[in-house]
């Protein structure tokens, strides 16, 4: 996988180099133009005419070639600036591999935990349900230590951090609960289901920002 940071650094470095060469080329063109003007009118003597034509041709070619080089380098600077700007924009509006993996995992955890809580009362094996909830809750709790990438915009980082924090907090709270207690206290069970919905809402905001289809996450589970 291409490291976008190196692409950005490379385009900036090449852009600066082309910019310096472009300035040198335009300065060279102006200098040749100035030297061309300083030649003055064509002299009358044959030997002077020959020397005058040779100098005129050299200065004219230097002016022309430097001008062409300067224009070419200017185009290169514009192209490199465009490429660097696009790569930076792409980097800012697309999730990093780590955040993508977290979102896919988080989607799975929310889906599975929601299913566990919805079917808890009908479960005929409380021990298994308790083990499943605890396992999922511990994995959710690990999100509390995650941080969104700072390569994106402040808005995207805020959305990711809020999502990770909410996911982690629900996981920490559920990890200390027993299935039997949740079945006995319907109000407590419903409060956790509402918490999961709030986590899902945070997830939806992240997906909406990055324009990610939920169906694609379901396929990656």
Protein backbone atom coordinates (compact mmCIF):
# COMPACT_ATOMS: atom_id res chain seq x y z
CA UNK A 1 0.00 0.00 0.00
CA UNK A 2 1.28 3.46 -0.95
CA UNK A 3 2.27 5.67 1.96
CA UNK A 4 0.43 8.92 1.26
CA UNK A 5 2.69 10.89 3.59
CA UNK A 6 5.66 10.08 1.37
CA UNK A 7 3.68 11.05 -1.73
CA UNK A 8 2.88 14.44 -0.18
CA UNK A 9 6.50 14.95 0.92
CA UNK A 10 7.73 13.93 -2.53
CA UNK A 11 5.41 16.31 -4.40
CA UNK A 12 6.33 19.19 -2.07
CA UNK A 13 10.07 18.53 -2.51
CA UNK A 14 9.79 18.26 -6.29
CA UNK A 15 7.53 21.30 -6.38
CA UNK A 16 10.08 23.41 -4.47
CA UNK A 17 12.90 22.19 -6.72
CA UNK A 18 10.91 22.99 -9.86
CA UNK A 19 9.98 26.39 -8.44
CA UNK A 20 13.64 27.28 -7.82
CA UNK A 21 14.64 26.08 -11.29
CA UNK A 22 11.73 28.03 -12.80
CA UNK A 23 12.88 31.24 -11.10
CA UNK A 24 16.43 30.63 -12.32
CA UNK A 25 15.15 30.02 -15.86
CA UNK A 26 13.08 33.21 -15.94
CA UNK A 27 15.97 35.21 -14.48
CA UNK A 28 18.22 33.73 -17.15
CA UNK A 29 15.72 34.68 -19.84
CA UNK A 30 15.50 38.28 -18.59
CA UNK A 31 19.27 38.52 -18.36
CA UNK A 32 19.65 37.27 -21.94
CA UNK A 33 17.01 39.77 -23.07
CA UNK A 34 18.91 42.56 -21.31
CA UNK A 35 22.18 41.48 -22.91
CA UNK A 36 20.45 41.39 -26.27
CA UNK A 37 19.33 45.00 -25.89
CA UNK A 38 22.80 46.08 -24.82
CA UNK A 39 24.28 44.88 -28.12
CA UNK A 40 22.98 48.02 -29.75
CA UNK A 41 22.57 48.49 -33.51
CA UNK A 42 24.44 46.37 -36.03
CA UNK A 43 27.99 47.64 -36.52
CA UNK A 44 29.30 48.59 -39.97
CA UNK A 45 32.60 46.78 -40.06
CA UNK A 46 32.62 43.21 -41.36
CA UNK A 47 34.48 41.70 -38.37
CA UNK A 48 32.28 43.52 -35.88
CA UNK A 49 29.14 42.40 -37.74
CA UNK A 50 30.20 38.75 -37.51
CA UNK A 51 30.82 39.03 -33.77
CA UNK A 52 27.57 40.97 -33.28
CA UNK A 53 25.50 38.30 -35.09
CA UNK A 54 27.13 35.53 -33.07
CA UNK A 55 26.37 37.27 -29.78
CA UNK A 56 22.86 38.15 -30.87
CA UNK A 57 22.16 34.55 -31.82
CA UNK A 58 23.55 33.28 -28.51
CA UNK A 59 21.53 35.75 -26.42
CA UNK A 60 18.35 35.18 -28.44
CA UNK A 61 18.64 31.39 -28.09
CA UNK A 62 19.38 31.72 -24.37
CA UNK A 63 16.35 33.94 -23.91
CA UNK A 64 14.11 31.57 -25.88
CA UNK A 65 15.36 28.37 -24.25
CA UNK A 66 15.20 29.78 -20.72
CA UNK A 67 11.69 31.07 -21.35
CA UNK A 68 10.56 27.64 -22.60
CA UNK A 69 12.18 25.94 -19.62
CA UNK A 70 10.55 28.42 -17.23
CA UNK A 71 7.10 27.82 -18.72
CA UNK A 72 7.61 24.06 -18.60
CA UNK A 73 8.73 24.23 -14.98
CA UNK A 74 5.77 26.47 -14.15
CA UNK A 75 3.43 23.81 -15.53
CA UNK A 76 5.29 21.17 -13.50
CA UNK A 77 4.86 23.25 -10.33
CA UNK A 78 1.12 23.60 -10.99
CA UNK A 79 0.74 19.87 -11.70
CA UNK A 80 2.70 18.88 -8.60
CA UNK A 81 0.70 21.33 -6.50
CA UNK A 82 -2.51 19.81 -7.83
CA UNK A 83 -1.34 16.25 -7.15
CA UNK A 84 -0.14 17.14 -3.64
CA UNK A 85 -3.36 18.99 -2.87
CA UNK A 86 -5.51 16.11 -4.10
CA UNK A 87 -3.53 13.53 -2.12
CA UNK A 88 -3.82 15.67 1.02
CA UNK A 89 -7.58 16.09 0.42
CA UNK A 90 -7.93 12.33 -0.13
CA UNK A 91 -6.01 11.64 3.07
CA UNK A 92 -8.19 14.07 5.06
CA UNK A 93 -11.49 12.67 3.75
CA UNK A 94 -10.69 8.95 3.95
CA UNK A 95 -10.21 6.82 7.03
CA UNK A 96 -6.84 5.35 7.85
CA UNK A 97 -6.45 1.56 7.78
CA UNK A 98 -6.50 1.48 11.60
CA UNK A 99 -9.72 3.50 11.87
CA UNK A 100 -11.33 1.42 9.12
CA UNK A 101 -10.50 -1.77 11.01
CA UNK A 102 -11.89 -0.26 14.21
CA UNK A 103 -15.13 0.75 12.51
CA UNK A 104 -15.60 -2.72 11.02
CA UNK A 105 -14.93 -4.35 14.40
CA UNK A 106 -17.17 -1.85 16.17
CA UNK A 107 -20.01 -2.50 13.74
CA UNK A 108 -19.76 -6.22 14.46
CA UNK A 109 -19.64 -5.70 18.24
CA UNK A 110 -22.69 -3.41 18.27
CA UNK A 111 -24.62 -5.82 16.07
CA UNK A 112 -23.75 -8.85 18.21
CA UNK A 113 -24.31 -7.11 21.55
CA UNK A 114 -27.68 -5.77 20.40
CA UNK A 115 -28.69 -9.28 19.40
CA UNK A 116 -27.52 -10.72 22.72
CA UNK A 117 -29.53 -8.22 24.75
CA UNK A 118 -32.64 -8.59 22.59
CA UNK A 119 -32.68 -12.37 22.95
CA UNK A 120 -31.50 -12.45 26.58
CA UNK A 121 -34.90 -12.92 28.16
CA UNK A 122 -35.74 -15.79 25.81
CA UNK A 123 -32.39 -17.51 26.31
CA UNK A 124 -32.48 -20.94 27.95
CA UNK A 125 -28.76 -20.88 28.74
CA UNK A 126 -27.95 -17.96 31.00
CA UNK A 127 -24.35 -19.03 31.52
CA UNK A 128 -23.63 -19.00 27.79
CA UNK A 129 -25.42 -15.66 27.39
CA UNK A 130 -23.43 -14.24 30.29
CA UNK A 131 -20.14 -15.43 28.74
CA UNK A 132 -21.06 -13.98 25.32
CA UNK A 133 -22.03 -10.61 26.78
CA UNK A 134 -18.87 -10.44 28.88
CA UNK A 135 -16.63 -11.33 25.91
CA UNK A 136 -18.27 -8.72 23.68
CA UNK A 137 -18.22 -6.12 26.47
CA UNK A 138 -14.48 -6.57 27.07
CA UNK A 139 -13.79 -6.08 23.37
CA UNK A 140 -15.98 -2.98 23.36
CA UNK A 141 -14.21 -1.64 26.47
CA UNK A 142 -10.89 -1.71 24.58
CA UNK A 143 -12.21 1.12 22.37
CA UNK A 144 -11.87 3.50 25.32
CA UNK A 145 -8.13 3.67 24.68
CA UNK A 146 -8.43 4.30 20.94
CA UNK A 147 -8.03 7.71 19.32
CA UNK A 148 -9.08 8.87 15.88
CA UNK A 149 -6.33 9.67 13.40
CA UNK A 150 -5.13 13.29 13.43
CA UNK A 151 -4.47 13.17 9.68
CA UNK A 152 -8.05 14.06 8.90
CA UNK A 153 -10.06 17.15 9.73
CA UNK A 154 -10.84 18.23 13.28
CA UNK A 155 -14.45 17.25 12.68
CA UNK A 156 -13.57 13.70 11.63
CA UNK A 157 -11.22 13.26 14.57
CA UNK A 158 -13.89 14.54 16.96
CA UNK A 159 -16.49 12.14 15.51
CA UNK A 160 -14.14 9.17 15.80
CA UNK A 161 -13.06 10.03 19.34
CA UNK A 162 -16.67 10.44 20.45
CA UNK A 163 -17.57 7.11 18.90
CA UNK A 164 -14.63 5.30 20.48
CA UNK A 165 -15.33 6.86 23.90
CA UNK A 166 -19.01 5.90 23.87
CA UNK A 167 -18.25 2.39 22.67
CA UNK A 168 -15.61 1.96 25.36
CA UNK A 169 -17.82 3.29 28.15
CA UNK A 170 -20.73 0.99 27.28
CA UNK A 171 -18.33 -1.94 27.16
CA UNK A 172 -16.86 -1.09 30.56
CA UNK A 173 -20.33 -0.81 32.09
CA UNK A 174 -21.64 -4.03 30.53
CA UNK A 175 -18.54 -6.01 31.46
CA UNK A 176 -19.51 -5.74 35.12
CA UNK A 177 -23.11 -6.88 34.57
CA UNK A 178 -24.51 -10.40 34.85
CA UNK A 179 -27.09 -11.75 32.43
CA UNK A 180 -29.35 -12.74 35.31
CA UNK A 181 -29.34 -9.19 36.68
CA UNK A 182 -30.24 -7.76 33.29
CA UNK A 183 -33.12 -10.19 32.92
CA UNK A 184 -34.37 -9.38 36.42
CA UNK A 185 -34.18 -5.62 35.92
CA UNK A 186 -35.89 -4.70 32.63
CA UNK A 187 -35.22 -1.01 33.21
CA UNK A 188 -31.50 -1.69 33.42
CA UNK A 189 -31.62 -3.84 30.31
CA UNK A 190 -33.47 -1.14 28.37
CA UNK A 191 -30.98 1.51 29.50
CA UNK A 192 -28.12 -0.51 28.03
CA UNK A 193 -30.07 -1.01 24.82
CA UNK A 194 -30.50 2.75 24.62
CA UNK A 195 -26.78 3.21 25.24
CA UNK A 196 -26.05 0.88 22.34
CA UNK A 197 -28.36 2.92 20.12
CA UNK A 198 -26.44 6.09 21.04
CA UNK A 199 -23.18 4.35 20.16
CA UNK A 200 -24.72 3.30 16.86
CA UNK A 201 -25.79 6.91 16.22
CA UNK A 202 -22.18 8.01 16.76
CA UNK A 203 -21.08 5.30 14.37
CA UNK A 204 -23.61 6.44 11.77
CA UNK A 205 -22.23 9.99 11.94
CA UNK A 206 -18.73 8.67 11.27
CA UNK A 207 -19.98 6.57 8.35
CA UNK A 208 -21.93 9.52 6.97
CA UNK A 209 -18.88 11.80 7.17
CA UNK A 210 -16.69 9.32 5.31
CA UNK A 211 -19.56 8.25 3.00
CA UNK A 212 -19.27 4.58 3.97
CA UNK A 213 -22.20 2.25 3.21
CA UNK A 214 -23.25 0.02 6.12
CA UNK A 215 -23.71 -2.86 3.70
CA UNK A 216 -20.01 -2.82 2.99
CA UNK A 217 -19.30 -3.20 6.73
CA UNK A 218 -21.69 -6.12 7.00
CA UNK A 219 -19.81 -7.87 4.18
CA UNK A 220 -16.49 -7.38 5.99
CA UNK A 221 -17.68 -8.90 9.26
